[in-house]
Amino acid sequence: MPSLFRRKRLMVVLVGFILLVALIGFSIRDRDSLSTPEKFLQDSVGWMQTIFHKPVSLVDNTIENIQDMFEVYEQNQVLKARLSEYKGVIQDNQRLKSENSELRETLEKTEGLSDYSPIQATVIARSSDRWFEQMTINKGEEHGIEKDMAVMTSDGLVGKIKSAGAFHSTVQLLSGFDRSNKISSWVVREGQDEAFGLIEGYDDETGQLLLEGIKLEEELKPGDTVISSGLGGVFPSNLRIGTVEEVTNDQFGLTKTAYVEPFADLFDINHVMVVDRAEETVEDKSPSEGDE
């Protein structure tokens, strides 16, 4: 009995093996079409692959999109930083061009002041509470600066040295002048002799200098140039001050007052020249009329 059972099992195994070999041979041979079971198996495997592939592909694409977003964000930050740097470079370049132009103008003006000894200086501070009156420059007594020396830009006169330290000085601007600070001046008129007057103050409303003490018979007109006369021994002569804008009689009707628009911008000053009149000739000085 056991022997019969073993034979039957052996026969089943052999038949199964033969069928398996036959199926393998059938499946690997060249055919134009698949059998129905093979089609069913292939389609089943394909659908299963599709079902699993879609979520995997979705997750993979999402991860790639997130990575791309992070890369774009990082690149955007880098570009913003570079753009800020470029803006800073452009601003610095514009500022340097402006300073270079100003320095060139100042140098050209310096070369024209052959009778004087101009000392180049840079504005380093300007007090907020006295912005319209004073500023500090980076030159002092060690550089030859002395009290009451004239201070100008390439455009014209801006003030005088109020006090001088060893290495720094305080400049009193024309906009801070009052009747205790006077500049003897000439009004240059076409076809006529110069008219004399004194810069004795500053009008806050108009932003113009007050040229007072002009004789009634003197005829002034807008556009006439005002320069320093050099009388009094403080300010050198022929320093450009401004142009006449308006002329009125004083309150007593004895003299005229001219409103003078300064050549120099008193509120935007970076580089100045301190003018030493030590080389001016004695004939240019006269004690008859004073600056202060």
Protein backbone atom coordinates (compact mmCIF):
# COMPACT_ATOMS: atom_id res chain seq x y z
CA MET A 1 0.00 0.00 0.00
CA PRO A 2 2.67 2.54 0.87
CA SER A 3 4.53 1.52 -2.25
CA LEU A 4 1.45 2.28 -4.38
CA PHE A 5 1.06 5.74 -2.80
CA ARG A 6 4.67 6.61 -3.51
CA ARG A 7 4.25 5.62 -7.14
CA LYS A 8 1.20 7.83 -7.55
CA ARG A 9 3.03 10.83 -6.05
CA LEU A 10 5.96 10.22 -8.32
CA MET A 11 3.66 10.05 -11.33
CA VAL A 12 2.00 13.37 -10.34
CA VAL A 13 5.39 15.05 -9.95
CA LEU A 14 6.56 13.77 -13.31
CA VAL A 15 3.36 14.84 -15.06
CA GLY A 16 3.57 18.27 -13.42
CA PHE A 17 7.18 18.65 -14.43
CA ILE A 18 6.37 17.68 -18.02
CA LEU A 19 3.50 20.20 -18.11
CA LEU A 20 5.76 22.93 -16.65
CA VAL A 21 8.43 22.26 -19.28
CA ALA A 22 5.79 22.30 -21.97
CA LEU A 23 4.35 25.60 -20.73
CA ILE A 24 7.82 27.16 -20.57
CA GLY A 25 8.61 26.02 -24.05
CA PHE A 26 5.26 27.28 -25.25
CA SER A 27 5.68 30.66 -23.67
CA ILE A 28 9.22 31.36 -24.88
CA ARG A 29 8.68 30.47 -28.49
CA ASP A 30 8.03 33.20 -31.03
CA ARG A 31 4.34 33.90 -31.41
CA ASP A 32 2.18 36.54 -32.97
CA SER A 33 -0.23 36.67 -30.04
CA LEU A 34 -0.54 35.67 -26.40
CA SER A 35 -2.87 33.13 -25.00
CA THR A 36 -5.84 34.22 -22.92
CA PRO A 37 -4.27 33.26 -19.58
CA GLU A 38 -1.08 35.11 -20.54
CA LYS A 39 -3.04 38.20 -21.53
CA PHE A 40 -4.95 38.10 -18.27
CA LEU A 41 -1.73 37.69 -16.28
CA GLN A 42 0.02 40.48 -18.21
CA ASP A 43 -2.91 42.88 -17.80
CA SER A 44 -3.21 42.07 -14.10
CA VAL A 45 0.48 42.76 -13.54
CA GLY A 46 0.22 45.98 -15.61
CA TRP A 47 -2.74 47.28 -13.62
CA MET A 48 -1.01 46.50 -10.35
CA GLN A 49 2.10 48.34 -11.57
CA THR A 50 -0.04 51.32 -12.63
CA ILE A 51 -1.80 51.46 -9.25
CA PHE A 52 1.48 51.44 -7.38
CA HIS A 53 3.30 53.70 -9.86
CA LYS A 54 0.90 56.68 -9.68
CA PRO A 55 1.26 57.45 -5.96
CA VAL A 56 4.98 56.75 -6.08
CA SER A 57 5.33 59.07 -9.08
CA LEU A 58 3.18 61.73 -7.37
CA VAL A 59 5.29 61.63 -4.21
CA ASP A 60 8.47 61.69 -6.25
CA ASN A 61 7.28 64.70 -8.29
CA THR A 62 6.15 66.51 -5.14
CA ILE A 63 9.56 66.01 -3.54
CA GLU A 64 11.27 67.26 -6.71
CA ASN A 65 8.97 70.31 -6.82
CA ILE A 66 9.72 71.11 -3.19
CA GLN A 67 13.44 70.78 -3.84
CA ASP A 68 13.10 73.04 -6.88
CA MET A 69 11.20 75.59 -4.78
CA PHE A 70 13.96 75.61 -2.18
CA GLU A 71 16.58 76.00 -4.89
CA VAL A 72 14.62 78.85 -6.50
CA TYR A 73 14.22 80.51 -3.09
CA GLU A 74 17.94 80.24 -2.39
CA GLN A 75 18.79 81.57 -5.84
CA ASN A 76 16.31 84.41 -5.31
CA GLN A 77 17.97 85.33 -2.03
CA VAL A 78 21.40 85.28 -3.66
CA LEU A 79 20.14 87.45 -6.53
CA LYS A 80 18.55 89.90 -4.08
CA ALA A 81 21.82 90.13 -2.17
CA ARG A 82 23.77 90.71 -5.38
CA LEU A 83 21.20 93.29 -6.51
CA SER A 84 21.62 95.15 -3.22
CA GLU A 85 25.38 95.03 -3.71
CA TYR A 86 25.03 96.36 -7.25
CA LYS A 87 22.76 99.16 -6.03
CA GLY A 88 25.33 100.02 -3.39
CA VAL A 89 28.07 100.01 -6.02
CA ILE A 90 26.01 102.26 -8.29
CA GLN A 91 25.31 104.68 -5.43
CA ASP A 92 28.96 104.69 -4.40
CA ASN A 93 29.95 105.26 -8.01
CA GLN A 94 27.55 108.18 -8.33
CA ARG A 95 28.78 109.64 -5.04
CA LEU A 96 32.42 109.26 -6.11
CA LYS A 97 31.67 110.88 -9.46
CA SER A 98 30.02 113.79 -7.66
CA GLU A 99 32.92 114.15 -5.24
CA ASN A 100 35.43 113.86 -8.09
CA SER A 101 33.62 116.58 -10.03
CA GLU A 102 33.49 118.78 -6.95
CA LEU A 103 37.18 118.22 -6.21
CA ARG A 104 38.09 119.03 -9.82
CA GLU A 105 36.14 122.28 -9.63
CA THR A 106 37.75 123.10 -6.30
CA LEU A 107 41.21 122.36 -7.71
CA GLU A 108 40.57 124.57 -10.73
CA LYS A 109 39.41 127.34 -8.42
CA THR A 110 42.47 126.86 -6.25
CA GLU A 111 44.76 127.27 -9.24
CA GLY A 112 42.97 130.54 -10.01
CA LEU A 113 43.63 132.02 -6.56
CA SER A 114 47.19 133.01 -7.36
CA ASP A 115 47.25 135.90 -4.87
CA TYR A 116 46.22 133.76 -1.92
CA SER A 117 47.23 130.55 -0.15
CA PRO A 118 44.17 128.27 -0.27
CA ILE A 119 44.09 125.35 2.18
CA GLN A 120 41.98 122.39 1.07
CA ALA A 121 39.65 120.93 3.71
CA THR A 122 36.73 118.51 3.99
CA VAL A 123 33.55 118.99 5.99
CA ILE A 124 33.38 116.26 8.64
CA ALA A 125 30.46 117.38 10.83
CA ARG A 126 27.46 119.65 10.89
CA SER A 127 25.40 120.08 14.05
CA SER A 128 21.69 119.40 13.58
CA ASP A 129 20.66 122.24 15.89
CA ARG A 130 22.99 124.71 14.15
CA TRP A 131 22.85 123.28 10.64
CA PHE A 132 22.30 126.71 9.06
CA GLU A 133 25.06 128.39 11.06
CA GLN A 134 28.15 126.22 11.57
CA MET A 135 30.10 123.21 10.33
CA THR A 136 33.38 121.48 11.23
CA ILE A 137 36.30 120.88 8.85
CA ASN A 138 39.28 118.54 9.14
CA LYS A 139 42.02 121.19 9.16
CA GLY A 140 43.31 123.31 12.04
CA GLU A 141 46.21 125.40 13.28
CA GLU A 142 48.68 122.66 12.41
CA HIS A 143 47.69 123.14 8.78
CA GLY A 144 47.88 126.94 8.87
CA ILE A 145 44.24 127.66 9.71
CA GLU A 146 43.57 130.81 11.77
CA LYS A 147 40.50 132.54 13.13
CA ASP A 148 38.56 134.79 10.68
CA MET A 149 40.05 133.25 7.52
CA ALA A 150 37.62 133.19 4.60
CA VAL A 151 36.07 129.83 3.63
CA MET A 152 34.77 129.15 0.12
CA THR A 153 33.83 126.43 -2.33
CA SER A 154 34.43 126.33 -6.06
CA ASP A 155 31.21 128.33 -6.46
CA GLY A 156 31.87 131.12 -4.01
CA LEU A 157 32.25 132.36 -0.44
CA VAL A 158 30.45 130.33 2.25
CA GLY A 159 31.75 131.77 5.54
CA LYS A 160 34.74 132.28 7.78
CA ILE A 161 36.73 130.41 10.42
CA LYS A 162 35.03 130.99 13.76
CA SER A 163 37.52 129.04 15.86
CA ALA A 164 40.56 126.88 15.07
CA GLY A 165 41.81 123.87 17.01
CA ALA A 166 45.03 122.02 16.41
CA PHE A 167 43.59 119.69 13.76
CA HIS A 168 39.97 120.81 13.29
CA SER A 169 38.16 124.11 12.87
CA THR A 170 34.64 125.50 13.14
CA VAL A 171 33.28 127.46 10.19
CA GLN A 172 30.63 130.11 10.64
CA LEU A 173 28.46 130.10 7.53
CA LEU A 174 27.14 133.21 5.80
CA SER A 175 23.66 132.04 6.76
CA GLY A 176 24.72 132.47 10.41
CA PHE A 177 26.06 136.02 9.96
CA ASP A 178 24.47 138.94 11.79
CA ARG A 179 25.33 142.64 12.19
CA SER A 180 28.38 141.73 14.24
CA ASN A 181 29.80 139.93 11.18
CA LYS A 182 30.30 142.17 8.16
CA ILE A 183 31.91 141.69 4.77
CA SER A 184 32.85 144.80 2.81
CA SER A 185 31.77 144.21 -0.77
CA TRP A 186 31.68 145.62 -4.27
CA VAL A 187 28.70 145.40 -6.58
CA VAL A 188 30.11 144.97 -10.07
CA ARG A 189 27.95 146.74 -12.68
CA GLU A 190 28.33 146.66 -16.41
CA GLY A 191 29.56 149.99 -17.77
CA GLN A 192 29.70 151.62 -14.32
CA ASP A 193 32.00 151.82 -11.34
CA GLU A 194 31.57 149.39 -8.49
CA ALA A 195 29.08 150.26 -5.76
CA PHE A 196 30.14 149.70 -2.17
CA GLY A 197 28.08 147.86 0.47
CA LEU A 198 28.36 145.67 3.54
CA ILE A 199 27.07 142.12 3.90
CA GLU A 200 25.50 142.44 7.36
CA GLY A 201 23.09 139.58 7.72
CA TYR A 202 21.01 136.79 6.26
CA ASP A 203 17.29 136.71 5.55
CA ASP A 204 15.85 133.38 6.71
CA GLU A 205 12.65 133.76 4.68
CA THR A 206 14.28 134.35 1.30
CA GLY A 207 17.56 132.53 1.97
CA GLN A 208 19.47 135.56 0.73
CA LEU A 209 22.24 137.74 2.11
CA LEU A 210 21.57 141.36 3.09
CA LEU A 211 23.89 143.87 1.45
CA GLU A 212 23.32 147.13 3.28
CA GLY A 213 24.74 150.65 3.40
CA ILE A 214 24.45 151.23 -0.37
CA LYS A 215 24.21 154.89 -1.30
CA LEU A 216 20.81 156.07 -2.57
CA GLU A 217 22.25 157.40 -5.82
CA GLU A 218 23.71 154.02 -6.75
CA GLU A 219 21.65 152.20 -9.37
CA LEU A 220 21.66 148.45 -8.92
CA LYS A 221 19.75 145.90 -10.93
CA PRO A 222 19.07 142.18 -10.61
CA GLY A 223 21.96 140.07 -11.87
CA ASP A 224 24.73 142.43 -10.72
CA THR A 225 27.62 140.47 -9.21
CA VAL A 226 28.69 140.96 -5.60
CA ILE A 227 32.32 140.29 -4.66
CA SER A 228 34.44 140.94 -1.59
CA SER A 229 36.29 144.25 -1.64
CA GLY A 230 39.23 143.20 0.54
CA LEU A 231 38.88 146.36 2.65
CA GLY A 232 39.43 145.94 6.37
CA GLY A 233 42.16 143.32 6.25
CA VAL A 234 40.01 140.24 6.97
CA PHE A 235 38.49 138.85 3.76
CA PRO A 236 40.60 138.82 0.59
CA SER A 237 39.36 140.82 -2.38
CA ASN A 238 37.55 139.47 -5.44
CA LEU A 239 35.95 136.48 -3.74
CA ARG A 240 32.61 135.68 -5.39
CA ILE A 241 29.67 136.16 -3.05
CA GLY A 242 26.47 136.23 -5.10
CA THR A 243 24.14 138.14 -7.40
CA VAL A 244 21.69 140.95 -6.66
CA GLU A 245 18.06 139.76 -6.69
CA GLU A 246 16.18 142.76 -5.32
CA VAL A 247 16.95 146.29 -4.10
CA THR A 248 14.94 148.26 -1.55
CA ASN A 249 15.39 151.43 0.51
CA ASP A 250 16.12 150.92 4.19
CA GLN A 251 13.54 151.81 6.83
CA PHE A 252 14.92 155.34 7.24
CA GLY A 253 15.25 156.04 3.54
CA LEU A 254 18.92 156.96 3.86
CA THR A 255 20.54 153.99 2.10
CA LYS A 256 19.61 151.01 -0.01
CA THR A 257 19.55 147.31 0.88
CA ALA A 258 20.15 144.63 -1.73
CA TYR A 259 19.05 141.01 -1.38
CA VAL A 260 21.89 138.84 -2.65
CA GLU A 261 21.51 135.22 -3.79
CA PRO A 262 24.73 133.37 -2.79
CA PHE A 263 26.68 131.66 -5.56
CA ALA A 264 27.45 128.72 -3.27
CA ASP A 265 24.89 126.29 -1.87
CA LEU A 266 25.22 126.91 1.86
CA PHE A 267 23.37 123.74 2.79
CA ASP A 268 25.19 121.17 0.65
CA ILE A 269 28.91 121.59 1.28
CA ASN A 270 31.46 118.76 1.25
CA HIS A 271 34.81 120.28 0.29
CA VAL A 272 36.02 123.81 0.99
CA MET A 273 39.05 126.05 0.63
CA VAL A 274 40.27 128.19 3.51
CA VAL A 275 41.79 131.30 1.97
CA ASP A 276 44.85 132.80 3.64
CA ARG A 277 45.36 136.35 2.43
CA ALA A 278 48.96 136.51 3.73
CA GLU A 279 50.31 136.96 0.20
CA GLU A 280 47.94 139.79 -0.68
CA THR A 281 49.72 143.08 -1.28
CA VAL A 282 49.60 145.96 1.18
CA GLU A 283 47.94 148.20 -1.43
CA ASP A 284 44.91 145.89 -1.39
CA LYS A 285 44.37 146.54 2.32
CA SER A 286 42.84 149.68 3.68
CA PRO A 287 41.82 150.44 7.28
CA SER A 288 39.27 152.98 6.21
CA GLU A 289 36.39 150.53 6.02
CA GLY A 290 36.23 147.22 7.89
CA ASP A 291 34.80 143.79 7.40
CA GLU A 292 33.89 143.28 11.00
